[in-house]
C-alpha atoms as a PDB file:
ATOM      1  CA  MET A   1     197.221 106.691 157.684  1.00  0.00           C
ATOM      2  CA  HIS A   2     194.369 104.807 159.328  1.00  0.00           C
ATOM      3  CA  ALA A   3     192.586 108.119 160.078  1.00  0.00           C
ATOM      4  CA  GLU A   4     192.924 109.147 156.449  1.00  0.00           C
ATOM      5  CA  LEU A   5     191.344 105.879 155.309  1.00  0.00           C
ATOM      6  CA  GLU A   6     188.394 106.402 157.646  1.00  0.00           C
ATOM      7  CA  LYS A   7     187.932 109.927 156.326  1.00  0.00           C
ATOM      8  CA  LEU A   8     188.021 108.637 152.732  1.00  0.00           C
ATOM      9  CA  LEU A   9     185.372 106.010 153.544  1.00  0.00           C
ATOM     10  CA  GLU A  10     183.230 108.671 155.236  1.00  0.00           C
ATOM     11  CA  LEU A  11     183.698 110.955 152.214  1.00  0.00           C
ATOM     12  CA  GLU A  12     182.669 108.109 149.901  1.00  0.00           C
ATOM     13  CA  THR A  13     179.508 107.531 151.971  1.00  0.00           C
ATOM     14  CA  ILE A  14     178.686 111.231 151.877  1.00  0.00           C
ATOM     15  CA  GLU A  15     179.273 111.391 148.112  1.00  0.00           C
ATOM     16  CA  ARG A  16     176.914 108.433 147.562  1.00  0.00           C
ATOM     17  CA  GLU A  17     174.245 110.141 149.666  1.00  0.00           C
ATOM     18  CA  VAL A  18     174.736 113.374 147.719  1.00  0.00           C
ATOM     19  CA  ALA A  19     174.428 111.488 144.415  1.00  0.00           C
ATOM     20  CA  ARG A  20     171.251 109.762 145.658  1.00  0.00           C
ATOM     21  CA  LEU A  21     169.775 113.090 146.768  1.00  0.00           C
ATOM     22  CA  ARG A  22     170.691 114.746 143.452  1.00  0.00           C
ATOM     23  CA  GLY A  23     168.930 111.922 141.602  1.00  0.00           C
ATOM     24  CA  GLU A  24     165.889 112.362 143.799  1.00  0.00           C
ATOM     25  CA  ILE A  25     165.907 116.120 143.237  1.00  0.00           C
ATOM     26  CA  ALA A  26     166.231 115.575 139.486  1.00  0.00           C
ATOM     27  CA  SER A  27     163.185 113.284 139.520  1.00  0.00           C
ATOM     28  CA  LEU A  28     161.004 115.762 141.421  1.00  0.00           C
ATOM     29  CA  PRO A  29     159.750 117.764 138.397  1.00  0.00           C
ATOM     30  CA  ARG A  30     158.581 114.548 136.710  1.00  0.00           C
ATOM     31  CA  ARG A  31     156.942 113.325 139.923  1.00  0.00           C
ATOM     32  CA  VAL A  32     155.248 116.690 140.443  1.00  0.00           C
ATOM     33  CA  SER A  33     154.011 116.616 136.842  1.00  0.00           C
ATOM     34  CA  ASP A  34     152.626 113.105 137.313  1.00  0.00           C
ATOM     35  CA  ILE A  35     150.851 114.190 140.496  1.00  0.00           C
ATOM     36  CA  GLU A  36     149.425 117.274 138.780  1.00  0.00           C
ATOM     37  CA  THR A  37     148.146 115.110 135.907  1.00  0.00           C
ATOM     38  CA  ARG A  38     146.452 112.726 138.336  1.00  0.00           C
ATOM     39  CA  LEU A  39     145.035 115.670 140.294  1.00  0.00           C
ATOM     40  CA  ALA A  40     143.569 117.157 137.107  1.00  0.00           C
ATOM     41  CA  ALA A  41     141.953 113.809 136.288  1.00  0.00           C
ATOM     42  CA  VAL A  42     140.499 113.536 139.789  1.00  0.00           C
ATOM     43  CA  ASN A  43     139.216 117.120 139.635  1.00  0.00           C
ATOM     44  CA  ALA A  44     137.568 116.410 136.286  1.00  0.00           C
ATOM     45  CA  GLU A  45     135.909 113.323 137.770  1.00  0.00           C
ATOM     46  CA  VAL A  46     134.688 115.357 140.741  1.00  0.00           C
ATOM     47  CA  ASP A  47     133.262 117.969 138.366  1.00  0.00           C
ATOM     48  CA  ARG A  48     131.465 115.242 136.393  1.00  0.00           C
ATOM     49  CA  GLY A  49     130.119 113.867 139.661  1.00  0.00           C
ATOM     50  CA  HIS A  50     128.824 117.294 140.712  1.00  0.00           C
ATOM     51  CA  LYS A  51     127.124 117.754 137.353  1.00  0.00           C
ATOM     52  CA  ALA A  52     125.568 114.288 137.535  1.00  0.00           C
ATOM     53  CA  LEU A  53     124.345 115.032 141.056  1.00  0.00           C
ATOM     54  CA  LYS A  54     122.746 118.291 139.905  1.00  0.00           C
ATOM     55  CA  ASP A  55     121.087 116.474 137.000  1.00  0.00           C
ATOM     56  CA  ILE A  56     119.769 113.765 139.329  1.00  0.00           C
ATOM     57  CA  GLU A  57     118.465 116.359 141.789  1.00  0.00           C
ATOM     58  CA  SER A  58     116.719 118.184 138.954  1.00  0.00           C
ATOM     59  CA  VAL A  59     115.057 114.985 137.750  1.00  0.00           C
ATOM     60  CA  ARG A  60     114.067 114.124 141.323  1.00  0.00           C
ATOM     61  CA  ARG A  61     112.480 117.566 141.864  1.00  0.00           C
ATOM     62  CA  ARG A  62     110.581 117.260 138.592  1.00  0.00           C
ATOM     63  CA  GLN A  63     109.372 113.776 139.485  1.00  0.00           C
ATOM     64  CA  GLU A  64     108.342 114.914 142.964  1.00  0.00           C
ATOM     65  CA  GLY A  65     106.334 117.698 141.323  1.00  0.00           C
ATOM     66  CA  ASP A  66     104.733 115.167 138.982  1.00  0.00           C
ATOM     67  CA  ILE A  67     103.842 112.983 141.967  1.00  0.00           C
ATOM     68  CA  GLN A  68     102.263 115.932 143.769  1.00  0.00           C
ATOM     69  CA  ASP A  69     100.248 116.810 140.657  1.00  0.00           C
ATOM     70  CA  LEU A  70      99.030 113.236 140.340  1.00  0.00           C
ATOM     71  CA  GLN A  71      98.166 113.094 144.037  1.00  0.00           C
ATOM     72  CA  ARG A  72      96.094 116.272 143.665  1.00  0.00           C
ATOM     73  CA  LYS A  73      94.287 114.783 140.647  1.00  0.00           C
ATOM     74  CA  VAL A  74      93.615 111.545 142.506  1.00  0.00           C
ATOM     75  CA  SER A  75      92.293 113.511 145.468  1.00  0.00           C
ATOM     76  CA  LYS A  76      90.116 115.662 143.189  1.00  0.00           C
ATOM     77  CA  TYR A  77      88.657 112.632 141.378  1.00  0.00           C
ATOM     78  CA  ARG A  78      88.176 110.784 144.644  1.00  0.00           C
ATOM     79  CA  ASP A  79      86.269 113.789 146.006  1.00  0.00           C
ATOM     80  CA  GLN A  80      84.159 113.880 142.837  1.00  0.00           C
ATOM     81  CA  ILE A  81      83.376 110.186 143.077  1.00  0.00           C
ATOM     82  CA  GLN A  82      82.711 110.205 146.798  1.00  0.00           C
ATOM     83  CA  GLY A  83      81.031 113.614 146.915  1.00  0.00           C
ATOM     84  CA  PRO A  84      77.467 114.114 148.204  1.00  0.00           C
ATOM     85  CA  GLY A  85      74.778 113.029 145.776  1.00  0.00           C
ATOM     86  CA  ARG A  86      77.290 111.548 143.384  1.00  0.00           C
ATOM     87  CA  ARG A  87      75.765 108.093 143.603  1.00  0.00           C
ATOM     88  CA  ASP A  88      72.346 109.498 142.721  1.00  0.00           C
ATOM     89  CA  GLN A  89      73.825 111.359 139.772  1.00  0.00           C
ATOM     90  CA  LEU A  90      75.429 108.184 138.478  1.00  0.00           C
ATOM     91  CA  CYS A  91      72.169 106.278 138.829  1.00  0.00           C
ATOM     92  CA  ARG A  92      70.189 108.973 137.016  1.00  0.00           C
ATOM     93  CA  ALA A  93      72.814 109.122 134.263  1.00  0.00           C
ATOM     94  CA  GLY A  94      72.581 105.348 133.863  1.00  0.00           C
ATOM     95  CA  ASN A  95      68.797 105.462 133.672  1.00  0.00           C
ATOM     96  CA  SER A  96      68.752 108.247 131.091  1.00  0.00           C
ATOM     97  CA  HIS A  97      70.808 106.115 128.717  1.00  0.00           C
ATOM     98  CA  HIS A  98      68.253 103.341 128.928  1.00  0.00           C
ATOM     99  CA  ARG A  99      65.319 105.623 128.077  1.00  0.00           C
ATOM    100  CA  GLY A 100      66.611 106.545 124.656  1.00  0.00           C
END
């Protein structure tokens, strides 16, 4: 009789484990759905981040181009101001206004 009691206790333990595992298996579809929902949200955030990065890179390239254009203009005007004979031209232009 003692052996039968031990077997019944072991059977009860096994049945509890089976019930726990069945509950866990039953919850898996909901858990998978929750994970898929979170994954979709993360993927959407990553996509928004990629788009924002592309937009920022585009703005940066445009601004770098603007800077290069301005640097060329500054260099051109500097060359005009510092060019040979420029000082004489400015002096003559100043004197011609006073003759009027």
